[in-house]
Protein backbone atom coordinates (compact mmCIF):
# COMPACT_ATOMS: atom_id res chain seq x y z
CA UNK A 1 -23.08 -11.69 1.32
CA UNK A 2 -21.59 -12.63 -2.33
CA UNK A 3 -24.23 -10.27 -3.86
CA UNK A 4 -23.00 -7.12 -1.86
CA UNK A 5 -19.34 -8.41 -2.68
CA UNK A 6 -20.07 -8.08 -6.65
CA UNK A 7 -22.15 -4.67 -6.14
CA UNK A 8 -19.06 -3.01 -4.34
CA UNK A 9 -16.54 -3.74 -7.45
CA UNK A 10 -15.99 -1.06 -10.23
CA UNK A 11 -17.77 -1.82 -13.69
CA UNK A 12 -14.09 -2.09 -14.64
CA UNK A 13 -12.04 -4.32 -12.33
CA UNK A 14 -8.20 -4.77 -12.34
CA UNK A 15 -7.69 -8.84 -11.92
CA UNK A 16 -5.45 -11.64 -12.89
CA UNK A 17 -4.98 -15.31 -12.33
CA UNK A 18 -1.28 -15.49 -12.11
CA UNK A 19 0.76 -12.16 -11.03
CA UNK A 20 3.82 -13.39 -12.95
CA UNK A 21 1.46 -12.81 -16.16
CA UNK A 22 0.60 -9.31 -14.54
CA UNK A 23 -2.84 -7.65 -14.26
CA UNK A 24 -5.46 -6.70 -16.43
CA UNK A 25 -8.78 -4.35 -16.49
CA UNK A 26 -12.22 -6.15 -17.39
CA UNK A 27 -15.44 -5.84 -17.22
CA UNK A 28 -16.99 -6.95 -14.03
CA UNK A 29 -18.69 -10.08 -15.32
CA UNK A 30 -15.07 -11.27 -16.94
CA UNK A 31 -13.08 -10.25 -14.12
CA UNK A 32 -15.07 -12.57 -11.44
CA UNK A 33 -13.90 -15.54 -13.20
CA UNK A 34 -10.38 -14.85 -12.26
CA UNK A 35 -8.65 -15.86 -9.31
CA UNK A 36 -7.46 -12.62 -7.77
CA UNK A 37 -9.44 -9.39 -7.81
CA UNK A 38 -8.72 -5.76 -7.13
CA UNK A 39 -11.10 -4.11 -4.59
CA UNK A 40 -12.65 -0.78 -4.91
CA UNK A 41 -10.00 1.46 -3.37
CA UNK A 42 -11.92 4.96 -3.53
CA UNK A 43 -14.91 3.36 -1.45
CA UNK A 44 -13.83 0.82 0.86
CA UNK A 45 -16.44 -1.54 1.59
CA UNK A 46 -14.14 -4.40 3.12
CA UNK A 47 -11.38 -4.70 5.77
CA UNK A 48 -9.39 -7.41 4.09
CA UNK A 49 -6.65 -9.51 5.79
CA UNK A 50 -4.06 -12.30 4.54
CA UNK A 51 -3.99 -14.94 7.16
CA UNK A 52 -0.72 -17.20 6.34
CA UNK A 53 -0.81 -19.72 8.72
CA UNK A 54 -2.61 -23.26 7.25
CA UNK A 55 -6.05 -24.28 8.58
CA UNK A 56 -6.83 -20.62 9.30
CA UNK A 57 -10.75 -20.70 8.59
CA UNK A 58 -11.50 -20.76 12.22
CA UNK A 59 -8.74 -18.55 13.58
CA UNK A 60 -11.17 -15.62 14.51
CA UNK A 61 -13.20 -17.94 16.53
CA UNK A 62 -9.95 -19.76 18.51
CA UNK A 63 -8.90 -15.92 19.32
CA UNK A 64 -12.55 -14.90 20.22
CA UNK A 65 -12.71 -12.36 17.42
CA UNK A 66 -15.79 -11.21 15.15
CA UNK A 67 -16.44 -13.48 12.44
CA UNK A 68 -15.64 -12.34 9.05
CA UNK A 69 -18.42 -11.97 6.31
CA UNK A 70 -16.42 -13.90 3.98
CA UNK A 71 -13.63 -16.17 4.20
CA UNK A 72 -11.72 -16.93 0.89
CA UNK A 73 -9.66 -20.25 1.55
CA UNK A 74 -6.67 -21.40 -0.51
CA UNK A 75 -7.86 -25.08 -1.21
CA UNK A 76 -3.81 -26.06 -1.68
CA UNK A 77 -2.45 -24.37 1.37
CA UNK A 78 -5.61 -23.68 3.41
CA UNK A 79 -4.58 -20.16 3.91
CA UNK A 80 -7.21 -17.62 3.93
CA UNK A 81 -8.44 -13.86 3.09
CA UNK A 82 -10.76 -12.94 5.75
CA UNK A 83 -13.38 -9.81 4.60
CA UNK A 84 -15.13 -8.04 6.90
CA UNK A 85 -18.22 -5.95 5.12
CA UNK A 86 -18.87 -2.69 6.44
CA UNK A 87 -21.99 -1.11 6.62
CA UNK A 88 -20.86 2.35 5.10
CA UNK A 89 -18.18 2.19 2.80
CA UNK A 90 -15.04 4.71 3.97
CA UNK A 91 -14.62 7.07 1.23
CA UNK A 92 -10.93 7.76 -0.03
CA UNK A 93 -11.23 10.27 -2.53
CA UNK A 94 -10.12 13.67 -1.83
CA UNK A 95 -13.31 14.64 -0.23
CA UNK A 96 -13.07 12.01 2.23
CA UNK A 97 -13.23 12.86 5.54
CA UNK A 98 -9.62 11.87 7.28
CA UNK A 99 -10.98 11.12 10.70
CA UNK A 100 -13.09 8.28 9.24
CA UNK A 101 -9.97 7.06 7.16
CA UNK A 102 -7.91 6.98 10.13
CA UNK A 103 -10.50 4.94 12.09
CA UNK A 104 -10.74 2.34 9.42
CA UNK A 105 -6.87 2.40 9.48
CA UNK A 106 -6.69 1.76 13.09
CA UNK A 107 -9.20 -1.23 13.05
CA UNK A 108 -7.74 -2.76 10.09
CA UNK A 109 -4.47 -2.73 11.76
CA UNK A 110 -5.62 -4.20 15.00
CA UNK A 111 -7.41 -6.81 13.34
CA UNK A 112 -4.25 -7.37 11.49
CA UNK A 113 -2.13 -7.45 14.59
CA UNK A 114 -4.91 -9.49 16.94
CA UNK A 115 -5.12 -12.40 14.09
CA UNK A 116 -1.35 -12.17 13.15
CA UNK A 117 -1.94 -11.31 9.64
CA UNK A 118 0.48 -10.50 7.25
CA UNK A 119 1.61 -6.97 7.78
CA UNK A 120 3.11 -6.27 4.39
CA UNK A 121 -0.38 -7.15 2.69
CA UNK A 122 -1.55 -3.67 1.22
CA UNK A 123 -5.55 -5.03 1.00
CA UNK A 124 -5.75 -4.22 -3.03
CA UNK A 125 -6.08 -7.63 -4.28
CA UNK A 126 -7.89 -10.32 -2.78
CA UNK A 127 -8.70 -14.37 -3.62
CA UNK A 128 -12.23 -13.98 -5.54
CA UNK A 129 -14.52 -15.50 -3.46
CA UNK A 130 -17.04 -16.43 -6.36
CA UNK A 131 -13.57 -18.04 -8.58
CA UNK A 132 -14.68 -22.05 -9.35
CA UNK A 133 -11.35 -23.42 -7.38
CA UNK A 134 -11.59 -21.28 -3.81
CA UNK A 135 -13.68 -22.72 -0.96
CA UNK A 136 -15.69 -20.19 0.57
CA UNK A 137 -17.42 -19.36 4.07
CA UNK A 138 -19.56 -16.91 4.69
CA UNK A 139 -21.38 -14.97 7.70
CA UNK A 140 -24.34 -12.80 7.48
CA UNK A 141 -22.69 -10.05 9.23
CA UNK A 142 -21.88 -6.21 8.55
CA UNK A 143 -20.01 -4.05 10.64
CA UNK A 144 -19.49 -0.18 11.61
CA UNK A 145 -16.10 0.75 12.36
CA UNK A 146 -17.31 1.15 16.24
CA UNK A 147 -18.76 -2.25 16.57
CA UNK A 148 -14.85 -3.77 16.62
CA UNK A 149 -14.39 -2.13 19.93
CA UNK A 150 -16.79 -4.77 21.38
CA UNK A 151 -14.22 -7.45 20.64
CA UNK A 152 -11.65 -5.41 23.03
CA UNK A 153 -9.18 -4.53 19.90
CA UNK A 154 -6.33 -2.27 20.86
CA UNK A 155 -7.50 0.56 18.98
CA UNK A 156 -6.15 3.31 20.85
CA UNK A 157 -2.36 2.27 20.79
CA UNK A 158 -2.84 1.21 17.19
CA UNK A 159 -4.52 4.58 16.28
CA UNK A 160 -1.51 6.12 17.52
CA UNK A 161 1.00 4.00 15.90
CA UNK A 162 -0.92 4.52 12.32
CA UNK A 163 -1.60 7.94 12.58
CA UNK A 164 0.91 10.16 14.65
CA UNK A 165 3.89 11.32 13.10
CA UNK A 166 6.78 12.52 15.01
CA UNK A 167 7.96 16.04 13.83
CA UNK A 168 11.25 15.82 15.94
CA UNK A 169 12.76 14.31 12.87
CA UNK A 170 13.34 10.81 14.40
CA UNK A 171 11.42 7.52 13.92
CA UNK A 172 10.63 5.37 10.69
CA UNK A 173 7.19 6.97 10.27
CA UNK A 174 8.63 10.34 10.50
CA UNK A 175 11.35 9.61 8.09
CA UNK A 176 9.12 8.49 5.20
CA UNK A 177 6.36 11.39 6.27
CA UNK A 178 8.96 14.28 5.70
CA UNK A 179 10.83 12.66 2.83
CA UNK A 180 7.35 12.01 1.14
CA UNK A 181 6.32 15.49 1.70
CA UNK A 182 9.27 17.17 0.06
CA UNK A 183 8.54 14.91 -3.31
CA UNK A 184 4.87 15.80 -3.15
CA UNK A 185 5.19 19.67 -2.83
CA UNK A 186 7.02 20.48 -6.15
CA UNK A 187 4.76 17.98 -8.16
CA UNK A 188 1.43 18.10 -7.13
CA UNK A 189 0.42 20.97 -9.31
CA UNK A 190 1.38 18.92 -12.22
CA UNK A 191 -1.33 16.48 -11.43
CA UNK A 192 -5.04 16.95 -12.73
CA UNK A 193 -6.52 14.05 -10.90
CA UNK A 194 -6.45 13.36 -6.95
CA UNK A 195 -6.86 9.30 -7.41
CA UNK A 196 -3.30 9.57 -9.70
CA UNK A 197 -1.55 11.82 -7.44
CA UNK A 198 -2.20 9.50 -4.56
CA UNK A 199 -1.51 6.43 -6.13
CA UNK A 200 2.11 7.78 -7.16
CA UNK A 201 2.63 9.13 -3.49
CA UNK A 202 1.50 5.82 -2.56
CA UNK A 203 4.16 4.19 -4.74
CA UNK A 204 7.24 6.82 -3.60
CA UNK A 205 6.21 6.16 0.03
CA UNK A 206 7.03 2.14 -0.73
CA UNK A 207 10.08 2.81 -2.24
CA UNK A 208 11.17 5.08 0.71
CA UNK A 209 10.01 2.23 2.87
CA UNK A 210 12.32 -0.10 0.94
CA UNK A 211 15.38 1.69 2.00
CA UNK A 212 14.90 0.29 5.41
CA UNK A 213 15.48 -3.30 3.97
CA UNK A 214 18.64 -2.03 2.04
CA UNK A 215 19.97 -0.54 5.44
CA UNK A 216 19.05 -3.59 7.33
CA UNK A 217 16.33 -2.01 9.37
CA UNK A 218 12.71 -3.27 9.90
CA UNK A 219 10.09 -1.80 7.50
CA UNK A 220 6.89 -0.57 8.58
CA UNK A 221 3.82 -2.38 7.83
CA UNK A 222 2.52 -2.09 4.30
CA UNK A 223 -1.02 -0.36 5.65
CA UNK A 224 0.86 2.06 7.78
CA UNK A 225 2.88 3.42 4.77
CA UNK A 226 -0.30 3.65 2.84
CA UNK A 227 -1.73 5.76 5.57
CA UNK A 228 1.29 8.16 5.48
CA UNK A 229 0.73 8.29 1.86
CA UNK A 230 -2.97 9.50 2.10
CA UNK A 231 -2.39 11.53 4.85
CA UNK A 232 0.38 13.80 2.44
CA UNK A 233 -1.55 13.37 -0.70
CA UNK A 234 -4.55 14.73 1.31
CA UNK A 235 -2.89 17.89 2.68
CA UNK A 236 -1.05 18.77 -0.48
CA UNK A 237 -3.80 18.17 -2.53
CA UNK A 238 -5.99 20.25 -0.28
CA UNK A 239 -3.20 23.22 -0.46
CA UNK A 240 -2.03 22.54 -3.97
CA UNK A 241 -2.86 26.53 -5.28
CA UNK A 242 -1.17 27.78 -2.18
CA UNK A 243 2.01 25.39 -2.29
CA UNK A 244 4.19 27.96 -3.54
CA UNK A 245 4.02 30.15 -0.65
CA UNK A 246 5.49 26.79 1.37
CA UNK A 247 9.01 26.51 2.94
CA UNK A 248 10.02 23.19 1.02
CA UNK A 249 12.35 25.41 -1.21
CA UNK A 250 14.65 25.92 1.79
CA UNK A 251 15.48 22.14 1.71
CA UNK A 252 17.79 22.42 -1.56
CA UNK A 253 19.10 26.02 -0.03
CA UNK A 254 18.25 27.35 -3.35
CA UNK A 255 19.55 31.24 -3.80
CA UNK A 256 16.62 33.72 -3.03
CA UNK A 257 17.55 35.67 -6.28
CA UNK A 258 15.87 32.74 -8.10
CA UNK A 259 12.25 33.13 -9.79
CA UNK A 260 9.66 30.79 -8.52
CA UNK A 261 9.74 29.20 -11.92
CA UNK A 262 13.52 28.63 -11.58
CA UNK A 263 12.92 27.05 -8.13
CA UNK A 264 10.19 24.63 -9.62
CA UNK A 265 12.35 23.31 -12.28
CA UNK A 266 15.14 22.97 -9.70
CA UNK A 267 13.03 20.98 -7.25
CA UNK A 268 11.78 18.80 -10.12
CA UNK A 269 15.19 17.61 -11.03
CA UNK A 270 15.88 16.95 -7.65
CA UNK A 271 12.69 14.92 -7.14
CA UNK A 272 13.44 13.06 -10.59
CA UNK A 273 17.14 12.08 -9.11
CA UNK A 274 16.02 11.18 -5.63
CA UNK A 275 13.44 8.64 -7.28
CA UNK A 276 15.66 7.22 -9.67
CA UNK A 277 17.99 6.60 -6.40
CA UNK A 278 15.03 5.17 -4.48
CA UNK A 279 13.90 3.06 -7.40
CA UNK A 280 17.39 1.30 -7.41
CA UNK A 281 17.59 0.67 -3.79
CA UNK A 282 13.75 -0.83 -3.53
CA UNK A 283 14.80 -3.23 -6.76
CA UNK A 284 17.97 -4.00 -5.10
CA UNK A 285 16.01 -4.87 -2.13
CA UNK A 286 13.67 -7.02 -3.72
CA UNK A 287 16.86 -8.75 -5.62
CA UNK A 288 18.31 -9.20 -2.18
CA UNK A 289 15.00 -10.81 -0.53
CA UNK A 290 14.66 -13.33 -3.86
CA UNK A 291 18.16 -14.24 -3.33
CA UNK A 292 17.79 -14.91 0.47
CA UNK A 293 14.93 -16.75 -0.20
CA UNK A 294 16.73 -19.12 -2.67
CA UNK A 295 14.58 -17.79 -5.56
CA UNK A 296 15.46 -17.45 -9.29
CA UNK A 297 16.54 -13.76 -9.53
CA UNK A 298 15.23 -12.59 -13.21
CA UNK A 299 13.84 -9.54 -14.31
CA UNK A 300 10.36 -10.64 -14.43
CA UNK A 301 10.40 -11.74 -10.88
CA UNK A 302 11.96 -8.42 -9.63
CA UNK A 303 9.34 -6.54 -11.70
CA UNK A 304 6.28 -8.65 -9.94
CA UNK A 305 7.87 -8.30 -6.31
CA UNK A 306 8.72 -4.69 -6.56
CA UNK A 307 5.65 -3.51 -8.29
CA UNK A 308 7.81 -1.50 -11.24
CA UNK A 309 6.94 -2.30 -14.86
CA UNK A 310 9.19 -4.78 -16.63
CA UNK A 311 10.67 -2.02 -18.71
CA UNK A 312 11.39 -0.02 -15.85
CA UNK A 313 13.36 -3.11 -14.10
CA UNK A 314 15.40 -3.32 -17.42
CA UNK A 315 16.20 0.19 -17.68
CA UNK A 316 17.75 0.15 -14.39
CA UNK A 317 19.28 -3.57 -14.44
CA UNK A 318 22.84 -2.81 -15.11
CA UNK A 319 22.97 -0.38 -12.42
CA UNK A 320 21.21 -3.12 -10.11
CA UNK A 321 23.48 -5.69 -11.47
CA UNK A 322 26.64 -3.79 -10.70
CA UNK A 323 25.14 -2.58 -7.07
CA UNK A 324 24.35 -6.17 -6.49
CA UNK A 325 27.78 -7.44 -7.25
CA UNK A 326 29.51 -4.69 -4.97
CA UNK A 327 27.18 -5.68 -2.27
CA UNK A 328 27.86 -9.31 -2.23
CA UNK A 329 31.63 -8.66 -2.44
CA UNK A 330 31.64 -6.16 0.76
CA UNK A 331 29.62 -8.99 2.68
C-alpha cells in the first residue's frame, strides 16, 4: 500500500516539515523524508480526510464505514489523516471528465460528513506516512467510487449540494459561482496552461468564500469551494476562444461604442480592483480568526493561514491594520 502511495506522487513534490517555514519542491526521494507532502492534484489517487478528534484511528470501524487504505497518526495528539486509495485515479486536467470529478467530490464530501472530518481541509497536503515519527496503519484495500455506496453514504444529497448551482442568484454556492465566473471571463485568454489558470481561480474562489466570514455568515466547506472553482475553470477554459461573444461585459454596463480591446482592458482593471478588495477582506478575516483564538497576529502567521505570500501580506498590511482598528472600534 505504501509503495502505491510513493508511485502516485510526482517526481518533484511540494513538501515541508513546518508550514510556518513555507513549502518547497523537492525530488521525490528527498520529499519523502519530510513531515508533510503534497498529493498529486492532477491525478487524484486518494480521497483524503483530516480527522481532528483524538484517538480517531478506529473511528471508521465505530461508525461502520469502509477501512482507509492508509491511516497516518499524529503521535502527539492521536489525530489522523485517512487515505482511501482508488483503483483508478480521477483526472483533474482540462481533459478530465467532469462527471467523474463530481462523483469523486460527492464521495469525498459524504465521507467527510460521515466521519465528522474537517470541512476546511482541502486535501492537498497530507501527513507523510513514510515520515519516521508518524504511526501508520494500513489495510490492503482499494476502491472504485461506486464501492462506497455499499456503506449507505448520503451520496445523492451530498452530490446535489456539491454540484448544484442555484441560478436564481441566492445562496453561497451561487454567489461564489457567479462572482468567480465574472472574474474568469476577462482573464482566461491570458493563460496558456489550464493548471495555472485553475490554481488562480481556486485562489479567487477561496477569497470570495472568505467574504462570508467577514460578514458573519458561515463559509462553505473548502472542498465545495474547490468544486465550484473547477467547474468554472473547466467551462471557461473549454470556451476560452469564443469568450468574446459572452455577455459578461454587460455586468460593467460598458458603452456599446467601445471596442472589444477597450472592454477587455476595462474588465481587467475591474478584476484587479475586485481582487485587491477581496484580498484585503480575506486577510482581515484571518487576522480576526487568529485574534479570536488568542494567537499572535504577525505578518508571517497571517501569510501562512491566508495562503498569500509574505510579500503580499506586507504590501497590504497598512490597509489591513486600518481596517482592523476600525472593526475593533465598531464592536
